[in-house]
Structure formats: structure tokens, C-alpha cells
Amino acid sequence: MSKVRQAAARFFRRSGWRDLALAGVCVWAVGVLVGLAAPGRKKRPAAWMASLALAAAYIPLMGRFLPFLLGDRMDIADIYS
């Protein structure tokens, strides 16, 4: 777990406002999805909107975070040059 925490710390040190905004959208969408546990009439449209927002923010955010989690790896082209 400490490896994930260290990778997150490195990622947030190097990230800009867009990455932090995407993380905020992810947290908001998860909060909406948890809030939908209460019964209600308009639960389904809100769940779809929150799920789409979560997917739209989570995929690019994780695409930028995974290199920090996996560590600095060299490309194959760098080995042969």
C-alpha cells in the first residue's frame, strides 16, 4: 500500500490543475453514485450521468497515473541507442 501512496504523491507533485480537476470529478461522481443508494424516482438518469462522468474522468486520469505507479521504465528504443 505504501507503493501506491508514494506513486500518488509523485503524481500529484507533477500534475497540473487539469489532473486535479479530473480527480475532483471522479470523487464527485463516486459521491453521487453512493448517494443514489437512497430510493428515489430519478435515480436511473442520475446514475447514468454520474457513471459517464466517472468513466470520462477516470480513464484519462489513470492513463496519466499508471506510469507513476509502474515506475520509470525505459522504452525499448532507448536501450538500443
PDB file of N, CA and C in Angstrom:
ATOM      1  N   MET A   1       0.813  -1.188   0.000  1.00  0.00           N
ATOM      2  CA  MET A   1       0.000   0.000   0.000  1.00  0.00           C
ATOM      3  C   MET A   1       0.861   1.259   0.000  1.00  0.00           C
ATOM      4  N   SER A   2       2.040   1.171   0.596  1.00  0.00           N
ATOM      5  CA  SER A   2       2.906   2.345   0.627  1.00  0.00           C
ATOM      6  C   SER A   2       3.419   2.684  -0.775  1.00  0.00           C
ATOM      7  N   LYS A   3       3.562   1.667  -1.642  1.00  0.00           N
ATOM      8  CA  LYS A   3       3.997   1.930  -3.019  1.00  0.00           C
ATOM      9  C   LYS A   3       2.951   2.769  -3.755  1.00  0.00           C
ATOM     10  N   VAL A   4       1.683   2.457  -3.537  1.00  0.00           N
ATOM     11  CA  VAL A   4       0.602   3.225  -4.165  1.00  0.00           C
ATOM     12  C   VAL A   4       0.592   4.647  -3.612  1.00  0.00           C
ATOM     13  N   ARG A   5       0.787   4.793  -2.312  1.00  0.00           N
ATOM     14  CA  ARG A   5       0.804   6.118  -1.686  1.00  0.00           C
ATOM     15  C   ARG A   5       1.973   6.951  -2.201  1.00  0.00           C
ATOM     16  N   GLN A   6       3.141   6.334  -2.337  1.00  0.00           N
ATOM     17  CA  GLN A   6       4.311   7.055  -2.856  1.00  0.00           C
ATOM     18  C   GLN A   6       4.107   7.447  -4.314  1.00  0.00           C
ATOM     19  N   ALA A   7       3.519   6.554  -5.104  1.00  0.00           N
ATOM     20  CA  ALA A   7       3.246   6.877  -6.508  1.00  0.00           C
ATOM     21  C   ALA A   7       2.243   8.010  -6.608  1.00  0.00           C
ATOM     22  N   ALA A   8       1.231   8.002  -5.752  1.00  0.00           N
ATOM     23  CA  ALA A   8       0.238   9.087  -5.759  1.00  0.00           C
ATOM     24  C   ALA A   8       0.887  10.407  -5.375  1.00  0.00           C
ATOM     25  N   ALA A   9       1.786  10.394  -4.407  1.00  0.00           N
ATOM     26  CA  ALA A   9       2.475  11.626  -4.010  1.00  0.00           C
ATOM     27  C   ALA A   9       3.321  12.169  -5.156  1.00  0.00           C
ATOM     28  N   ARG A  10       4.059  11.294  -5.858  1.00  0.00           N
ATOM     29  CA  ARG A  10       4.855  11.741  -7.012  1.00  0.00           C
ATOM     30  C   ARG A  10       3.958  12.288  -8.115  1.00  0.00           C
ATOM     31  N   PHE A  11       2.820  11.612  -8.342  1.00  0.00           N
ATOM     32  CA  PHE A  11       1.901  12.032  -9.395  1.00  0.00           C
ATOM     33  C   PHE A  11       1.331  13.416  -9.094  1.00  0.00           C
ATOM     34  N   PHE A  12       0.897  13.649  -7.861  1.00  0.00           N
ATOM     35  CA  PHE A  12       0.284  14.929  -7.532  1.00  0.00           C
ATOM     36  C   PHE A  12       1.298  16.055  -7.480  1.00  0.00           C
ATOM     37  N   ARG A  13       2.565  15.747  -7.212  1.00  0.00           N
ATOM     38  CA  ARG A  13       3.590  16.788  -7.281  1.00  0.00           C
ATOM     39  C   ARG A  13       3.790  17.271  -8.711  1.00  0.00           C
ATOM     40  N   ARG A  14       3.690  16.366  -9.667  1.00  0.00           N
ATOM     41  CA  ARG A  14       3.949  16.718 -11.068  1.00  0.00           C
ATOM     42  C   ARG A  14       2.685  17.075 -11.847  1.00  0.00           C
ATOM     43  N   SER A  15       1.520  16.883 -11.260  1.00  0.00           N
ATOM     44  CA  SER A  15       0.283  17.103 -12.009  1.00  0.00           C
ATOM     45  C   SER A  15      -0.119  18.573 -11.990  1.00  0.00           C
ATOM     46  N   GLY A  16      -0.904  18.928 -12.985  1.00  0.00           N
ATOM     47  CA  GLY A  16      -1.394  20.290 -13.110  1.00  0.00           C
ATOM     48  C   GLY A  16      -2.845  20.391 -12.655  1.00  0.00           C
ATOM     49  N   TRP A  17      -3.436  21.535 -12.939  1.00  0.00           N
ATOM     50  CA  TRP A  17      -4.799  21.769 -12.481  1.00  0.00           C
ATOM     51  C   TRP A  17      -5.800  20.868 -13.193  1.00  0.00           C
ATOM     52  N   ARG A  18      -5.507  20.475 -14.419  1.00  0.00           N
ATOM     53  CA  ARG A  18      -6.450  19.610 -15.148  1.00  0.00           C
ATOM     54  C   ARG A  18      -6.536  18.224 -14.505  1.00  0.00           C
ATOM     55  N   ASP A  19      -5.395  17.699 -14.105  1.00  0.00           N
ATOM     56  CA  ASP A  19      -5.390  16.391 -13.444  1.00  0.00           C
ATOM     57  C   ASP A  19      -6.137  16.445 -12.118  1.00  0.00           C
ATOM     58  N   LEU A  20      -5.933  17.511 -11.367  1.00  0.00           N
ATOM     59  CA  LEU A  20      -6.632  17.643 -10.095  1.00  0.00           C
ATOM     60  C   LEU A  20      -8.127  17.857 -10.307  1.00  0.00           C
ATOM     61  N   ALA A  21      -8.498  18.558 -11.389  1.00  0.00           N
ATOM     62  CA  ALA A  21      -9.917  18.720 -11.700  1.00  0.00           C
ATOM     63  C   ALA A  21     -10.547  17.378 -12.069  1.00  0.00           C
ATOM     64  N   LEU A  22      -9.824  16.553 -12.822  1.00  0.00           N
ATOM     65  CA  LEU A  22     -10.335  15.222 -13.149  1.00  0.00           C
ATOM     66  C   LEU A  22     -10.500  14.370 -11.903  1.00  0.00           C
ATOM     67  N   ALA A  23      -9.566  14.485 -10.976  1.00  0.00           N
ATOM     68  CA  ALA A  23      -9.700  13.743  -9.721  1.00  0.00           C
ATOM     69  C   ALA A  23     -10.920  14.224  -8.946  1.00  0.00           C
ATOM     70  N   GLY A  24     -11.182  15.525  -8.988  1.00  0.00           N
ATOM     71  CA  GLY A  24     -12.367  16.064  -8.331  1.00  0.00           C
ATOM     72  C   GLY A  24     -13.654  15.553  -8.958  1.00  0.00           C
ATOM     73  N   VAL A  25     -13.668  15.450 -10.280  1.00  0.00           N
ATOM     74  CA  VAL A  25     -14.846  14.913 -10.963  1.00  0.00           C
ATOM     75  C   VAL A  25     -15.053  13.450 -10.577  1.00  0.00           C
ATOM     76  N   CYS A  26     -13.975  12.704 -10.470  1.00  0.00           N
ATOM     77  CA  CYS A  26     -14.090  11.298 -10.048  1.00  0.00           C
ATOM     78  C   CYS A  26     -14.687  11.199  -8.654  1.00  0.00           C
ATOM     79  N   VAL A  27     -14.195  12.014  -7.734  1.00  0.00           N
ATOM     80  CA  VAL A  27     -14.709  11.981  -6.368  1.00  0.00           C
ATOM     81  C   VAL A  27     -16.169  12.395  -6.342  1.00  0.00           C
ATOM     82  N   TRP A  28     -16.527  13.412  -7.114  1.00  0.00           N
ATOM     83  CA  TRP A  28     -17.924  13.845  -7.193  1.00  0.00           C
ATOM     84  C   TRP A  28     -18.814  12.731  -7.721  1.00  0.00           C
ATOM     85  N   ALA A  29     -18.384  12.073  -8.793  1.00  0.00           N
ATOM     86  CA  ALA A  29     -19.196  11.018  -9.402  1.00  0.00           C
ATOM     87  C   ALA A  29     -19.368   9.834  -8.448  1.00  0.00           C
ATOM     88  N   VAL A  30     -18.318   9.483  -7.724  1.00  0.00           N
ATOM     89  CA  VAL A  30     -18.439   8.396  -6.754  1.00  0.00           C
ATOM     90  C   VAL A  30     -19.406   8.804  -5.640  1.00  0.00           C
ATOM     91  N   GLY A  31     -19.343  10.052  -5.214  1.00  0.00           N
ATOM     92  CA  GLY A  31     -20.270  10.536  -4.196  1.00  0.00           C
ATOM     93  C   GLY A  31     -21.714  10.498  -4.660  1.00  0.00           C
ATOM     94  N   VAL A  32     -21.946  10.858  -5.916  1.00  0.00           N
ATOM     95  CA  VAL A  32     -23.304  10.786  -6.464  1.00  0.00           C
ATOM     96  C   VAL A  32     -23.777   9.345  -6.517  1.00  0.00           C
ATOM     97  N   LEU A  33     -22.914   8.454  -6.950  1.00  0.00           N
ATOM     98  CA  LEU A  33     -23.307   7.046  -7.030  1.00  0.00           C
ATOM     99  C   LEU A  33     -23.612   6.464  -5.648  1.00  0.00           C
ATOM    100  N   VAL A  34     -22.859   6.857  -4.642  1.00  0.00           N
ATOM    101  CA  VAL A  34     -23.140   6.391  -3.286  1.00  0.00           C
ATOM    102  C   VAL A  34     -24.435   7.014  -2.786  1.00  0.00           C
ATOM    103  N   GLY A  35     -24.663   8.276  -3.109  1.00  0.00           N
ATOM    104  CA  GLY A  35     -25.889   8.954  -2.703  1.00  0.00           C
ATOM    105  C   GLY A  35     -27.136   8.386  -3.347  1.00  0.00           C
ATOM    106  N   LEU A  36     -26.978   7.694  -4.444  1.00  0.00           N
ATOM    107  CA  LEU A  36     -28.129   7.108  -5.118  1.00  0.00           C
ATOM    108  C   LEU A  36     -28.626   5.835  -4.437  1.00  0.00           C
ATOM    109  N   ALA A  37     -28.000   5.449  -3.351  1.00  0.00           N
ATOM    110  CA  ALA A  37     -28.470   4.278  -2.614  1.00  0.00           C
ATOM    111  C   ALA A  37     -29.836   4.543  -1.989  1.00  0.00           C
ATOM    112  N   ALA A  38     -30.169   5.804  -1.772  1.00  0.00           N
ATOM    113  CA  ALA A  38     -31.487   6.155  -1.237  1.00  0.00           C
ATOM    114  C   ALA A  38     -32.532   5.981  -2.335  1.00  0.00           C
ATOM    115  N   PRO A  39     -33.714   5.528  -1.990  1.00  0.00           N
ATOM    116  CA  PRO A  39     -34.738   5.348  -3.017  1.00  0.00           C
ATOM    117  C   PRO A  39     -35.181   6.692  -3.579  1.00  0.00           C
ATOM    118  N   GLY A  40     -35.507   6.677  -4.831  1.00  0.00           N
ATOM    119  CA  GLY A  40     -35.950   7.905  -5.464  1.00  0.00           C
ATOM    120  C   GLY A  40     -36.433   7.654  -6.871  1.00  0.00           C
ATOM    121  N   ARG A  41     -37.144   8.625  -7.413  1.00  0.00           N
ATOM    122  CA  ARG A  41     -37.759   8.491  -8.724  1.00  0.00           C
ATOM    123  C   ARG A  41     -36.748   8.714  -9.855  1.00  0.00           C
ATOM    124  N   LYS A  42     -35.812   9.620  -9.665  1.00  0.00           N
ATOM    125  CA  LYS A  42     -34.882   9.972 -10.753  1.00  0.00           C
ATOM    126  C   LYS A  42     -33.504   9.374 -10.526  1.00  0.00           C
ATOM    127  N   LYS A  43     -33.477   8.215  -9.955  1.00  0.00           N
ATOM    128  CA  LYS A  43     -32.212   7.568  -9.647  1.00  0.00           C
ATOM    129  C   LYS A  43     -31.485   7.092 -10.904  1.00  0.00           C
ATOM    130  N   ARG A  44     -32.205   6.525 -11.838  1.00  0.00           N
ATOM    131  CA  ARG A  44     -31.574   5.941 -13.021  1.00  0.00           C
ATOM    132  C   ARG A  44     -30.870   6.988 -13.893  1.00  0.00           C
ATOM    133  N   PRO A  45     -31.499   8.120 -14.263  1.00  0.00           N
ATOM    134  CA  PRO A  45     -30.768   9.109 -15.079  1.00  0.00           C
ATOM    135  C   PRO A  45     -29.556   9.696 -14.351  1.00  0.00           C
ATOM    136  N   ALA A  46     -29.696   9.941 -13.046  1.00  0.00           N
ATOM    137  CA  ALA A  46     -28.558  10.470 -12.294  1.00  0.00           C
ATOM    138  C   ALA A  46     -27.428   9.444 -12.226  1.00  0.00           C
ATOM    139  N   ALA A  47     -27.781   8.185 -12.095  1.00  0.00           N
ATOM    140  CA  ALA A  47     -26.753   7.140 -12.057  1.00  0.00           C
ATOM    141  C   ALA A  47     -26.023   7.051 -13.388  1.00  0.00           C
ATOM    142  N   TRP A  48     -26.735   7.148 -14.489  1.00  0.00           N
ATOM    143  CA  TRP A  48     -26.084   7.111 -15.801  1.00  0.00           C
ATOM    144  C   TRP A  48     -25.172   8.316 -15.998  1.00  0.00           C
ATOM    145  N   MET A  49     -25.639   9.495 -15.616  1.00  0.00           N
ATOM    146  CA  MET A  49     -24.812  10.697 -15.784  1.00  0.00           C
ATOM    147  C   MET A  49     -23.560  10.613 -14.916  1.00  0.00           C
ATOM    148  N   ALA A  50     -23.711  10.150 -13.676  1.00  0.00           N
ATOM    149  CA  ALA A  50     -22.544  10.038 -12.802  1.00  0.00           C
ATOM    150  C   ALA A  50     -21.588   8.956 -13.302  1.00  0.00           C
ATOM    151  N   SER A  51     -22.124   7.867 -13.822  1.00  0.00           N
ATOM    152  CA  SER A  51     -21.267   6.804 -14.357  1.00  0.00           C
ATOM    153  C   SER A  51     -20.491   7.279 -15.571  1.00  0.00           C
ATOM    154  N   LEU A  52     -21.143   8.026 -16.448  1.00  0.00           N
ATOM    155  CA  LEU A  52     -20.453   8.575 -17.622  1.00  0.00           C
ATOM    156  C   LEU A  52     -19.387   9.585 -17.207  1.00  0.00           C
ATOM    157  N   ALA A  53     -19.707  10.436 -16.227  1.00  0.00           N
ATOM    158  CA  ALA A  53     -18.725  11.413 -15.753  1.00  0.00           C
ATOM    159  C   ALA A  53     -17.534  10.711 -15.114  1.00  0.00           C
ATOM    160  N   LEU A  54     -17.813   9.655 -14.357  1.00  0.00           N
ATOM    161  CA  LEU A  54     -16.724   8.909 -13.729  1.00  0.00           C
ATOM    162  C   LEU A  54     -15.827   8.260 -14.782  1.00  0.00           C
ATOM    163  N   ALA A  55     -16.417   7.635 -15.781  1.00  0.00           N
ATOM    164  CA  ALA A  55     -15.627   6.992 -16.833  1.00  0.00           C
ATOM    165  C   ALA A  55     -14.839   8.023 -17.639  1.00  0.00           C
ATOM    166  N   ALA A  56     -15.475   9.158 -17.946  1.00  0.00           N
ATOM    167  CA  ALA A  56     -14.810  10.194 -18.741  1.00  0.00           C
ATOM    168  C   ALA A  56     -13.642  10.820 -17.990  1.00  0.00           C
ATOM    169  N   ALA A  57     -13.700  10.867 -16.683  1.00  0.00           N
ATOM    170  CA  ALA A  57     -12.610  11.450 -15.907  1.00  0.00           C
ATOM    171  C   ALA A  57     -11.595  10.396 -15.473  1.00  0.00           C
ATOM    172  N   TYR A  58     -12.055   9.199 -15.172  1.00  0.00           N
ATOM    173  CA  TYR A  58     -11.186   8.163 -14.608  1.00  0.00           C
ATOM    174  C   TYR A  58     -10.203   7.618 -15.635  1.00  0.00           C
ATOM    175  N   ILE A  59     -10.654   7.404 -16.841  1.00  0.00           N
ATOM    176  CA  ILE A  59      -9.785   6.800 -17.861  1.00  0.00           C
ATOM    177  C   ILE A  59      -8.582   7.683 -18.176  1.00  0.00           C
ATOM    178  N   PRO A  60      -8.756   8.980 -18.489  1.00  0.00           N
ATOM    179  CA  PRO A  60      -7.556   9.789 -18.751  1.00  0.00           C
ATOM    180  C   PRO A  60      -6.682   9.990 -17.509  1.00  0.00           C
ATOM    181  N   LEU A  61      -7.321  10.074 -16.336  1.00  0.00           N
ATOM    182  CA  LEU A  61      -6.547  10.260 -15.114  1.00  0.00           C
ATOM    183  C   LEU A  61      -5.678   9.039 -14.831  1.00  0.00           C
ATOM    184  N   MET A  62      -6.219   7.863 -14.993  1.00  0.00           N
ATOM    185  CA  MET A  62      -5.440   6.652 -14.760  1.00  0.00           C
ATOM    186  C   MET A  62      -4.391   6.457 -15.850  1.00  0.00           C
ATOM    187  N   GLY A  63      -4.673   6.928 -17.060  1.00  0.00           N
ATOM    188  CA  GLY A  63      -3.675   6.869 -18.121  1.00  0.00           C
ATOM    189  C   GLY A  63      -2.444   7.683 -17.790  1.00  0.00           C
ATOM    190  N   ARG A  64      -2.645   8.785 -17.069  1.00  0.00           N
ATOM    191  CA  ARG A  64      -1.502   9.601 -16.655  1.00  0.00           C
ATOM    192  C   ARG A  64      -0.859   9.083 -15.373  1.00  0.00           C
ATOM    193  N   PHE A  65      -1.641   8.388 -14.522  1.00  0.00           N
ATOM    194  CA  PHE A  65      -1.133   7.931 -13.231  1.00  0.00           C
ATOM    195  C   PHE A  65      -0.367   6.615 -13.324  1.00  0.00           C
ATOM    196  N   LEU A  66      -0.737   5.733 -14.232  1.00  0.00           N
ATOM    197  CA  LEU A  66      -0.109   4.414 -14.305  1.00  0.00           C
ATOM    198  C   LEU A  66       1.397   4.453 -14.483  1.00  0.00           C
ATOM    199  N   PRO A  67       1.961   5.354 -15.302  1.00  0.00           N
ATOM    200  CA  PRO A  67       3.433   5.393 -15.377  1.00  0.00           C
ATOM    201  C   PRO A  67       4.084   5.699 -14.024  1.00  0.00           C
ATOM    202  N   PHE A  68       3.431   6.496 -13.180  1.00  0.00           N
ATOM    203  CA  PHE A  68       3.982   6.781 -11.856  1.00  0.00           C
ATOM    204  C   PHE A  68       3.887   5.549 -10.967  1.00  0.00           C
ATOM    205  N   LEU A  69       2.828   4.784 -11.124  1.00  0.00           N
ATOM    206  CA  LEU A  69       2.641   3.584 -10.315  1.00  0.00           C
ATOM    207  C   LEU A  69       3.598   2.470 -10.737  1.00  0.00           C
ATOM    208  N   LEU A  70       3.815   2.344 -12.033  1.00  0.00           N
ATOM    209  CA  LEU A  70       4.683   1.290 -12.542  1.00  0.00           C
ATOM    210  C   LEU A  70       6.162   1.639 -12.412  1.00  0.00           C
ATOM    211  N   GLY A  71       6.467   2.892 -12.182  1.00  0.00           N
ATOM    212  CA  GLY A  71       7.859   3.317 -12.061  1.00  0.00           C
ATOM    213  C   GLY A  71       8.373   3.805 -13.399  1.00  0.00           C
ATOM    214  N   ASP A  72       9.538   4.400 -13.355  1.00  0.00           N
ATOM    215  CA  ASP A  72      10.150   4.911 -14.576  1.00  0.00           C
ATOM    216  C   ASP A  72      10.754   3.755 -15.348  1.00  0.00           C
ATOM    217  N   ARG A  73      10.186   3.484 -16.481  1.00  0.00           N
ATOM    218  CA  ARG A  73      10.693   2.406 -17.331  1.00  0.00           C
ATOM    219  C   ARG A  73      11.157   3.017 -18.644  1.00  0.00           C
ATOM    220  N   MET A  74      12.195   2.430 -19.192  1.00  0.00           N
ATOM    221  CA  MET A  74      12.737   2.943 -20.448  1.00  0.00           C
ATOM    222  C   MET A  74      12.015   2.291 -21.612  1.00  0.00           C
ATOM    223  N   ASP A  75      11.901   3.031 -22.697  1.00  0.00           N
ATOM    224  CA  ASP A  75      11.385   2.458 -23.918  1.00  0.00           C
ATOM    225  C   ASP A  75      12.414   1.521 -24.516  1.00  0.00           C
ATOM    226  N   ILE A  76      11.956   0.603 -25.342  1.00  0.00           N
ATOM    227  CA  ILE A  76      12.866  -0.341 -25.998  1.00  0.00           C
ATOM    228  C   ILE A  76      13.829   0.404 -26.906  1.00  0.00           C
ATOM    229  N   ALA A  77      13.385   1.457 -27.549  1.00  0.00           N
ATOM    230  CA  ALA A  77      14.256   2.215 -28.438  1.00  0.00           C
ATOM    231  C   ALA A  77      15.410   2.851 -27.654  1.00  0.00           C
ATOM    232  N   ASP A  78      15.179   3.217 -26.377  1.00  0.00           N
ATOM    233  CA  ASP A  78      16.235   3.825 -25.578  1.00  0.00           C
ATOM    234  C   ASP A  78      17.327   2.840 -25.221  1.00  0.00           C
ATOM    235  N   ILE A  79      17.011   1.579 -25.154  1.00  0.00           N
ATOM    236  CA  ILE A  79      18.015   0.564 -24.807  1.00  0.00           C
ATOM    237  C   ILE A  79      19.047   0.438 -25.921  1.00  0.00           C
ATOM    238  N   TYR A  80      18.602   0.514 -27.163  1.00  0.00           N
ATOM    239  CA  TYR A  80      19.491   0.279 -28.296  1.00  0.00           C
ATOM    240  C   TYR A  80      20.177   1.531 -28.811  1.00  0.00           C
ATOM    241  N   SER A  81      19.881   2.701 -28.257  1.00  0.00           N
ATOM    242  CA  SER A  81      20.521   3.905 -28.786  1.00  0.00           C
ATOM    243  C   SER A  81      21.748   4.293 -28.012  1.00  0.00           C
TER     244      SER A  81
END
